[in-house]
């Protein structure tokens, strides 16, 4: 997804590489958040709750948060590149 998004950013090649490198920690943080949410659901509602609709919902929420974080990162890099020039 990041490789698709990077084509739409108005950045130099170096800044595009920075964006792709920044996406890795975003993906790791999103997956850690999903694991924490699933563990919290399991702690409160038991294993059955963790395997229910709530598991799919937590995945969707984390995916949307990750995409929004990527978009914010890309726009922030565009802003920083414009400020430098």
N, C-alpha and C. Protein backbone atom coordinates (compact mmCIF):
# COMPACT_ATOMS: atom_id res chain seq x y z
N UNK A 1 0.82 -1.18 0.00
CA UNK A 1 0.00 0.00 0.00
C UNK A 1 0.88 1.26 0.00
N UNK A 2 1.95 1.22 0.77
CA UNK A 2 2.84 2.38 0.84
C UNK A 2 3.51 2.63 -0.52
N UNK A 3 3.85 1.56 -1.21
CA UNK A 3 4.48 1.72 -2.52
C UNK A 3 3.50 2.30 -3.53
N UNK A 4 2.22 2.02 -3.36
CA UNK A 4 1.19 2.63 -4.21
C UNK A 4 1.04 4.11 -3.85
N UNK A 5 0.99 4.40 -2.58
CA UNK A 5 0.78 5.77 -2.12
C UNK A 5 1.96 6.68 -2.45
N UNK A 6 3.17 6.15 -2.43
CA UNK A 6 4.36 6.98 -2.64
C UNK A 6 4.36 7.59 -4.05
N UNK A 7 3.71 6.95 -5.01
CA UNK A 7 3.64 7.51 -6.36
C UNK A 7 2.84 8.81 -6.41
N UNK A 8 1.94 9.01 -5.47
CA UNK A 8 1.10 10.20 -5.48
C UNK A 8 1.67 11.36 -4.68
N UNK A 9 2.77 11.11 -3.98
CA UNK A 9 3.39 12.17 -3.18
C UNK A 9 4.31 13.01 -4.06
N UNK A 10 4.27 14.30 -3.86
CA UNK A 10 5.16 15.21 -4.60
C UNK A 10 6.43 15.40 -3.80
N UNK A 11 7.30 14.39 -3.91
CA UNK A 11 8.54 14.39 -3.14
C UNK A 11 9.69 13.97 -4.04
N UNK A 12 10.90 14.32 -3.59
CA UNK A 12 12.09 13.86 -4.29
C UNK A 12 12.26 12.36 -4.04
N UNK A 13 13.15 11.75 -4.78
CA UNK A 13 13.38 10.30 -4.60
C UNK A 13 13.86 10.00 -3.19
N UNK A 14 14.72 10.86 -2.67
CA UNK A 14 15.22 10.64 -1.31
C UNK A 14 14.08 10.68 -0.30
N UNK A 15 13.20 11.69 -0.41
CA UNK A 15 12.09 11.81 0.53
C UNK A 15 11.09 10.66 0.36
N UNK A 16 10.94 10.17 -0.85
CA UNK A 16 10.08 9.00 -1.06
C UNK A 16 10.67 7.78 -0.36
N UNK A 17 11.99 7.65 -0.40
CA UNK A 17 12.65 6.55 0.31
C UNK A 17 12.47 6.70 1.82
N UNK A 18 12.53 7.93 2.30
CA UNK A 18 12.30 8.19 3.72
C UNK A 18 10.88 7.78 4.10
N UNK A 19 9.92 8.11 3.24
CA UNK A 19 8.52 7.73 3.49
C UNK A 19 8.38 6.22 3.59
N UNK A 20 8.95 5.50 2.64
CA UNK A 20 8.85 4.03 2.65
C UNK A 20 9.51 3.47 3.91
N UNK A 21 10.63 4.07 4.34
CA UNK A 21 11.29 3.60 5.56
C UNK A 21 10.44 3.90 6.79
N UNK A 22 9.72 5.01 6.79
CA UNK A 22 8.88 5.35 7.94
C UNK A 22 7.64 4.48 8.05
N UNK A 23 7.25 3.86 6.95
CA UNK A 23 6.06 3.03 6.97
C UNK A 23 6.29 1.75 7.79
N UNK A 24 7.52 1.28 7.84
CA UNK A 24 7.82 0.05 8.58
C UNK A 24 7.47 0.20 10.07
N UNK A 25 7.93 1.25 10.76
CA UNK A 25 7.52 1.38 12.16
C UNK A 25 6.02 1.62 12.33
N UNK A 26 5.40 2.26 11.36
CA UNK A 26 3.95 2.45 11.44
C UNK A 26 3.25 1.10 11.39
N UNK A 27 3.67 0.23 10.50
CA UNK A 27 3.06 -1.11 10.39
C UNK A 27 3.30 -1.92 11.66
N UNK A 28 4.50 -1.83 12.21
CA UNK A 28 4.79 -2.57 13.44
C UNK A 28 3.93 -2.06 14.58
N UNK A 29 3.82 -0.74 14.71
CA UNK A 29 3.00 -0.16 15.78
C UNK A 29 1.53 -0.54 15.62
N UNK A 30 1.04 -0.56 14.39
CA UNK A 30 -0.35 -0.93 14.14
C UNK A 30 -0.60 -2.38 14.53
N UNK A 31 0.33 -3.26 14.20
CA UNK A 31 0.15 -4.66 14.57
C UNK A 31 0.26 -4.89 16.07
N UNK A 32 1.13 -4.15 16.74
CA UNK A 32 1.21 -4.24 18.20
C UNK A 32 -0.10 -3.76 18.81
N UNK A 33 -0.66 -2.69 18.26
CA UNK A 33 -1.94 -2.19 18.76
C UNK A 33 -3.04 -3.23 18.56
N UNK A 34 -3.04 -3.90 17.43
CA UNK A 34 -4.06 -4.93 17.19
C UNK A 34 -3.90 -6.09 18.16
N UNK A 35 -2.67 -6.51 18.40
CA UNK A 35 -2.44 -7.59 19.37
C UNK A 35 -2.90 -7.18 20.77
N UNK A 36 -2.60 -5.93 21.14
CA UNK A 36 -3.02 -5.45 22.46
C UNK A 36 -4.54 -5.39 22.56
N UNK A 37 -5.19 -4.95 21.49
CA UNK A 37 -6.66 -4.90 21.51
C UNK A 37 -7.25 -6.30 21.61
N UNK A 38 -6.69 -7.25 20.86
CA UNK A 38 -7.19 -8.62 20.91
C UNK A 38 -6.95 -9.23 22.29
N UNK A 39 -5.80 -8.97 22.89
CA UNK A 39 -5.52 -9.47 24.23
C UNK A 39 -6.47 -8.85 25.25
N UNK A 40 -6.75 -7.56 25.10
CA UNK A 40 -7.70 -6.91 26.00
C UNK A 40 -9.10 -7.48 25.87
N UNK A 41 -9.51 -7.74 24.63
CA UNK A 41 -10.82 -8.35 24.40
C UNK A 41 -10.87 -9.74 25.03
N UNK A 42 -9.80 -10.51 24.87
CA UNK A 42 -9.76 -11.85 25.45
C UNK A 42 -9.75 -11.81 26.97
N UNK A 43 -9.09 -10.82 27.55
CA UNK A 43 -9.04 -10.71 29.00
C UNK A 43 -10.41 -10.36 29.58
N UNK A 44 -11.15 -9.52 28.85
CA UNK A 44 -12.46 -9.08 29.35
C UNK A 44 -13.55 -10.10 29.02
N UNK A 45 -13.56 -10.57 27.78
CA UNK A 45 -14.67 -11.42 27.34
C UNK A 45 -14.33 -12.88 27.13
N UNK A 46 -13.08 -13.25 27.35
CA UNK A 46 -12.70 -14.64 27.17
C UNK A 46 -12.25 -14.91 25.74
N UNK A 47 -11.73 -16.12 25.53
CA UNK A 47 -11.22 -16.46 24.20
C UNK A 47 -12.29 -16.41 23.11
N UNK A 48 -13.51 -16.74 23.45
CA UNK A 48 -14.58 -16.73 22.45
C UNK A 48 -14.81 -15.31 21.92
N UNK A 49 -14.73 -14.33 22.80
CA UNK A 49 -14.92 -12.94 22.38
C UNK A 49 -13.77 -12.48 21.49
N UNK A 50 -12.56 -12.96 21.79
CA UNK A 50 -11.40 -12.56 20.99
C UNK A 50 -11.46 -13.14 19.58
N UNK A 51 -12.19 -14.23 19.40
CA UNK A 51 -12.30 -14.85 18.08
C UNK A 51 -13.58 -14.46 17.37
N UNK A 52 -14.36 -13.58 17.94
CA UNK A 52 -15.64 -13.19 17.37
C UNK A 52 -15.50 -12.00 16.44
N UNK A 53 -16.61 -11.33 16.22
CA UNK A 53 -16.67 -10.13 15.38
C UNK A 53 -15.71 -9.06 15.88
N UNK A 54 -15.47 -9.01 17.17
CA UNK A 54 -14.60 -7.99 17.73
C UNK A 54 -13.18 -8.10 17.19
N UNK A 55 -12.74 -9.32 16.89
CA UNK A 55 -11.41 -9.51 16.31
C UNK A 55 -11.34 -8.87 14.94
N UNK A 56 -12.36 -9.10 14.11
CA UNK A 56 -12.40 -8.49 12.79
C UNK A 56 -12.53 -6.97 12.88
N UNK A 57 -13.33 -6.50 13.82
CA UNK A 57 -13.49 -5.06 13.99
C UNK A 57 -12.19 -4.40 14.43
N UNK A 58 -11.46 -5.04 15.33
CA UNK A 58 -10.19 -4.46 15.76
C UNK A 58 -9.21 -4.41 14.59
N UNK A 59 -9.23 -5.42 13.73
CA UNK A 59 -8.37 -5.40 12.55
C UNK A 59 -8.72 -4.26 11.62
N UNK A 60 -10.00 -4.02 11.42
CA UNK A 60 -10.44 -2.92 10.55
C UNK A 60 -10.05 -1.57 11.15
N UNK A 61 -10.24 -1.41 12.44
CA UNK A 61 -9.90 -0.15 13.10
C UNK A 61 -8.40 0.12 12.99
N UNK A 62 -7.60 -0.91 13.21
CA UNK A 62 -6.14 -0.74 13.14
C UNK A 62 -5.70 -0.47 11.71
N UNK A 63 -6.34 -1.11 10.73
CA UNK A 63 -6.00 -0.85 9.33
C UNK A 63 -6.28 0.60 8.97
N UNK A 64 -7.44 1.10 9.33
CA UNK A 64 -7.79 2.49 9.04
C UNK A 64 -6.82 3.44 9.75
N UNK A 65 -6.48 3.14 10.99
CA UNK A 65 -5.53 3.98 11.72
C UNK A 65 -4.17 3.96 11.04
N UNK A 66 -3.74 2.81 10.56
CA UNK A 66 -2.46 2.72 9.86
C UNK A 66 -2.44 3.50 8.56
N UNK A 67 -3.53 3.42 7.81
CA UNK A 67 -3.62 4.18 6.55
C UNK A 67 -3.62 5.68 6.84
N UNK A 68 -4.35 6.09 7.85
CA UNK A 68 -4.36 7.51 8.21
C UNK A 68 -2.99 7.97 8.68
N UNK A 69 -2.27 7.12 9.40
CA UNK A 69 -0.92 7.47 9.83
C UNK A 69 0.01 7.60 8.62
N UNK A 70 -0.14 6.71 7.64
CA UNK A 70 0.68 6.81 6.42
C UNK A 70 0.37 8.10 5.66
N UNK A 71 -0.91 8.44 5.54
CA UNK A 71 -1.29 9.67 4.86
C UNK A 71 -0.74 10.89 5.58
N UNK A 72 -0.82 10.89 6.91
CA UNK A 72 -0.30 12.01 7.68
C UNK A 72 1.21 12.11 7.52
N UNK A 73 1.88 10.98 7.51
CA UNK A 73 3.34 10.97 7.33
C UNK A 73 3.71 11.53 5.96
N UNK A 74 2.98 11.10 4.93
CA UNK A 74 3.25 11.60 3.57
C UNK A 74 3.02 13.09 3.45
N UNK A 75 1.92 13.55 4.01
CA UNK A 75 1.62 14.99 3.95
C UNK A 75 2.63 15.78 4.78
N UNK A 76 3.06 15.24 5.89
CA UNK A 76 4.08 15.91 6.70
C UNK A 76 5.40 16.02 5.96
N UNK A 77 5.77 14.97 5.24
CA UNK A 77 7.00 15.03 4.44
C UNK A 77 6.87 16.03 3.29
N UNK A 78 5.69 16.08 2.67
CA UNK A 78 5.48 17.09 1.62
C UNK A 78 5.61 18.50 2.19
N UNK A 79 5.03 18.72 3.37
CA UNK A 79 5.12 20.03 4.00
C UNK A 79 6.56 20.39 4.33
N UNK A 80 7.30 19.41 4.86
CA UNK A 80 8.70 19.65 5.21
C UNK A 80 9.54 19.93 3.96
N UNK A 81 9.24 19.25 2.87
CA UNK A 81 9.99 19.48 1.63
C UNK A 81 9.70 20.88 1.07
N UNK A 82 8.45 21.32 1.17
CA UNK A 82 8.11 22.67 0.70
C UNK A 82 8.74 23.73 1.58
N UNK A 83 8.81 23.47 2.89
CA UNK A 83 9.40 24.44 3.79
C UNK A 83 10.90 24.58 3.56
N UNK A 84 11.55 23.52 3.13
CA UNK A 84 12.99 23.57 2.87
C UNK A 84 13.32 24.33 1.61
N UNK A 85 12.40 24.34 0.65
CA UNK A 85 12.72 25.01 -0.62
C UNK A 85 12.23 26.43 -0.70
